[in-house]
Amino acid sequence: MNTLSLSPLFRRSIGFDRLNDLFETAMKSDAPSYPPYNVEKHGDNDYRIVVAASGFDESELEVNVENRLLTISGAKEQKEEASQVNYLHQGIAQRSFRLSFRLDEQIEVQGARFENGLLKVDLLRIVPEAQRPRQIAINGRTSQSLEHQGEAQRETSAASVA
């Protein structure tokens, strides 16, 4: 088995301790092939997971979030008449499934809808004001005070020319 060392990444990164655990979990488990799904990005902070759940009713699907783990599951209800059917070919899989997605701390589930056999789960990254990009003042000077200094210097230069 190949081993992957992430220690070079952690030399210049602070606070990513759990990232190594996430990579190890991803390397150990295989991605599920049933049901087919897409993970889509619709802008900088908007995401959508689309699960092909053909053959399922809305009442047979569940979407849960617990401890930053999004779980999408489906379970077919057994009907008495279905057990009497003899399939010559059964190409539409209707078995139970469970998909799990680990969510970042800033990702929130906005809602889910089921249309045309597709379950769509909308996600949104909410970046707190404290984590948005900002300019750091050096020696108490802000970019705003620098602009005022530049204007004052131009006014002084213009006055001395006149």
Protein backbone atom coordinates (compact mmCIF):
# COMPACT_ATOMS: atom_id res chain seq x y z
CA MET A 1 0.00 0.00 0.00
CA ASN A 2 1.27 3.47 -0.85
CA THR A 3 1.69 5.92 1.97
CA LEU A 4 1.22 9.62 1.54
CA SER A 5 3.03 12.03 3.82
CA LEU A 6 1.42 15.41 4.28
CA SER A 7 4.12 16.75 6.59
CA PRO A 8 5.48 19.20 3.96
CA LEU A 9 2.04 20.83 3.80
CA PHE A 10 1.86 21.28 7.56
CA ARG A 11 5.21 23.08 7.81
CA ARG A 12 3.65 26.29 6.53
CA SER A 13 0.05 25.74 7.66
CA ILE A 14 -1.38 26.35 11.10
CA GLY A 15 -4.60 24.86 12.44
CA PHE A 16 -5.07 22.13 9.83
CA ASP A 17 -4.60 19.23 12.23
CA ARG A 18 -7.84 17.51 11.21
CA LEU A 19 -6.95 17.73 7.52
CA ASN A 20 -4.62 14.75 7.82
CA ASP A 21 -7.45 12.66 9.32
CA LEU A 22 -9.74 13.71 6.48
CA PHE A 23 -7.21 12.59 3.87
CA GLU A 24 -6.67 9.25 5.61
CA THR A 25 -10.42 8.59 5.71
CA ALA A 26 -10.78 9.51 2.04
CA MET A 27 -7.90 7.22 1.03
CA LYS A 28 -9.31 4.25 2.97
CA SER A 29 -12.90 4.35 1.77
CA ASP A 30 -14.13 3.96 -1.77
CA ALA A 31 -16.58 6.48 -3.14
CA PRO A 32 -20.05 4.97 -3.47
CA SER A 33 -21.21 4.29 -7.00
CA TYR A 34 -24.91 4.05 -6.17
CA PRO A 35 -26.84 6.18 -6.56
CA PRO A 36 -25.07 8.47 -9.01
CA TYR A 37 -24.60 12.01 -7.71
CA ASN A 38 -23.02 15.34 -8.66
CA VAL A 39 -21.38 17.93 -6.45
CA GLU A 40 -21.80 21.29 -8.17
CA LYS A 41 -20.42 24.76 -7.48
CA HIS A 42 -22.69 27.67 -8.47
CA GLY A 43 -20.57 30.68 -7.57
CA ASP A 44 -18.02 31.47 -4.90
CA ASN A 45 -20.13 30.32 -1.95
CA ASP A 46 -23.03 28.31 -3.41
CA TYR A 47 -22.90 24.52 -3.74
CA ARG A 48 -25.42 21.85 -4.65
CA ILE A 49 -25.45 18.08 -4.31
CA VAL A 50 -27.71 16.38 -6.85
CA VAL A 51 -28.59 12.73 -6.24
CA ALA A 52 -30.27 10.63 -8.95
CA ALA A 53 -33.00 8.94 -6.93
CA SER A 54 -35.18 7.58 -9.71
CA GLY A 55 -37.80 5.14 -8.53
CA PHE A 56 -37.99 6.70 -5.05
CA ASP A 57 -40.85 8.74 -3.65
CA GLU A 58 -40.13 11.89 -1.70
CA SER A 59 -41.36 10.13 1.47
CA GLU A 60 -38.68 7.44 1.04
CA LEU A 61 -35.78 9.92 1.12
CA GLU A 62 -34.12 11.56 4.13
CA VAL A 63 -31.60 14.39 4.47
CA ASN A 64 -29.94 14.80 7.89
CA VAL A 65 -27.11 16.93 9.26
CA GLU A 66 -25.40 15.97 12.51
CA ASN A 67 -21.95 17.01 13.73
CA ARG A 68 -21.04 18.57 10.35
CA LEU A 69 -21.91 15.29 8.56
CA LEU A 70 -24.57 15.51 5.84
CA THR A 71 -26.28 12.17 5.29
CA ILE A 72 -28.62 11.49 2.39
CA SER A 73 -30.43 8.16 2.52
CA GLY A 74 -33.19 6.36 0.73
CA ALA A 75 -35.12 3.23 1.65
CA LYS A 76 -37.75 1.61 -0.54
CA GLU A 77 -40.93 0.55 1.16
CA GLN A 78 -41.70 -3.10 0.45
CA LYS A 79 -45.11 -3.48 -1.12
CA GLU A 80 -46.91 -6.79 -1.22
CA GLU A 81 -47.73 -6.49 -4.92
CA ALA A 82 -44.07 -5.86 -5.78
CA SER A 83 -43.03 -9.19 -4.29
CA GLN A 84 -45.32 -10.99 -6.76
CA VAL A 85 -43.66 -9.39 -9.80
CA ASN A 86 -41.23 -11.52 -11.83
CA TYR A 87 -38.77 -9.28 -13.63
CA LEU A 88 -37.46 -10.40 -16.99
CA HIS A 89 -34.92 -7.57 -16.73
CA GLN A 90 -34.56 -5.20 -13.78
CA GLY A 91 -32.29 -2.33 -14.80
CA ILE A 92 -33.67 0.29 -12.42
CA ALA A 93 -31.96 -0.21 -9.10
CA GLN A 94 -34.26 0.50 -6.20
CA ARG A 95 -32.12 -0.65 -3.33
CA SER A 96 -31.54 1.35 -0.19
CA PHE A 97 -28.62 3.77 -0.10
CA ARG A 98 -26.74 6.07 2.24
CA LEU A 99 -24.40 8.87 1.12
CA SER A 100 -22.35 10.88 3.61
CA PHE A 101 -20.55 14.18 3.07
CA ARG A 102 -18.34 15.90 5.64
CA LEU A 103 -19.13 19.62 5.71
CA ASP A 104 -16.74 22.45 6.46
CA GLU A 105 -17.56 24.54 9.53
CA GLN A 106 -18.72 27.42 7.33
CA ILE A 107 -21.05 25.34 5.12
CA GLU A 108 -24.75 25.33 5.97
CA VAL A 109 -27.54 23.33 4.36
CA GLN A 110 -30.06 25.78 2.93
CA GLY A 111 -32.71 23.27 1.84
CA ALA A 112 -33.57 20.25 -0.25
CA ARG A 113 -36.07 19.60 -2.98
CA PHE A 114 -37.08 16.57 -5.03
CA GLU A 115 -38.04 17.10 -8.65
CA ASN A 116 -38.01 14.86 -11.71
CA GLY A 117 -36.29 12.02 -9.86
CA LEU A 118 -33.42 14.22 -8.66
CA LEU A 119 -32.86 15.16 -5.02
CA LYS A 120 -31.17 18.57 -4.88
CA VAL A 121 -29.53 19.72 -1.65
CA ASP A 122 -28.45 23.38 -1.62
CA LEU A 123 -25.45 24.42 0.48
CA LEU A 124 -24.09 27.86 1.28
CA ARG A 125 -20.70 28.91 2.62
CA ILE A 126 -21.24 31.65 5.17
CA VAL A 127 -17.99 33.48 5.85
CA PRO A 128 -18.07 35.47 9.10
CA GLU A 129 -16.98 39.11 8.94
CA ALA A 130 -13.92 38.31 11.05
CA GLN A 131 -12.70 35.81 8.43
CA ARG A 132 -13.22 37.96 5.35
CA PRO A 133 -10.14 39.47 3.70
CA ARG A 134 -9.07 42.77 5.23
CA GLN A 135 -6.05 45.00 5.26
CA ILE A 136 -4.02 45.03 8.45
CA ALA A 137 -2.82 48.42 9.73
CA ILE A 138 0.93 48.80 10.25
CA ASN A 139 1.95 51.01 13.19
CA GLY A 140 -1.64 52.15 13.60
CA ARG A 141 -1.89 53.61 10.09
CA THR A 142 -4.77 52.38 8.00
CA SER A 143 -5.22 52.59 4.27
CA GLN A 144 -7.80 55.30 4.93
CA SER A 145 -5.30 57.49 6.78
CA LEU A 146 -2.80 56.95 3.95
CA GLU A 147 -5.34 58.24 1.45
CA HIS A 148 -5.93 61.34 3.56
CA GLN A 149 -2.17 61.92 3.80
CA GLY A 150 -1.86 61.67 0.01
CA GLU A 151 -4.66 64.20 -0.46
CA ALA A 152 -3.08 66.54 2.09
CA GLN A 153 0.28 66.32 0.31
CA ARG A 154 -1.35 67.11 -3.04
CA GLU A 155 -3.18 70.09 -1.55
CA THR A 156 0.08 71.34 0.01
CA SER A 157 1.91 70.90 -3.31
CA ALA A 158 -0.84 72.73 -5.19
CA ALA A 159 -0.82 75.61 -2.68
CA SER A 160 2.98 76.00 -2.90
CA VAL A 161 2.85 76.12 -6.71
CA ALA A 162 0.22 78.87 -6.68
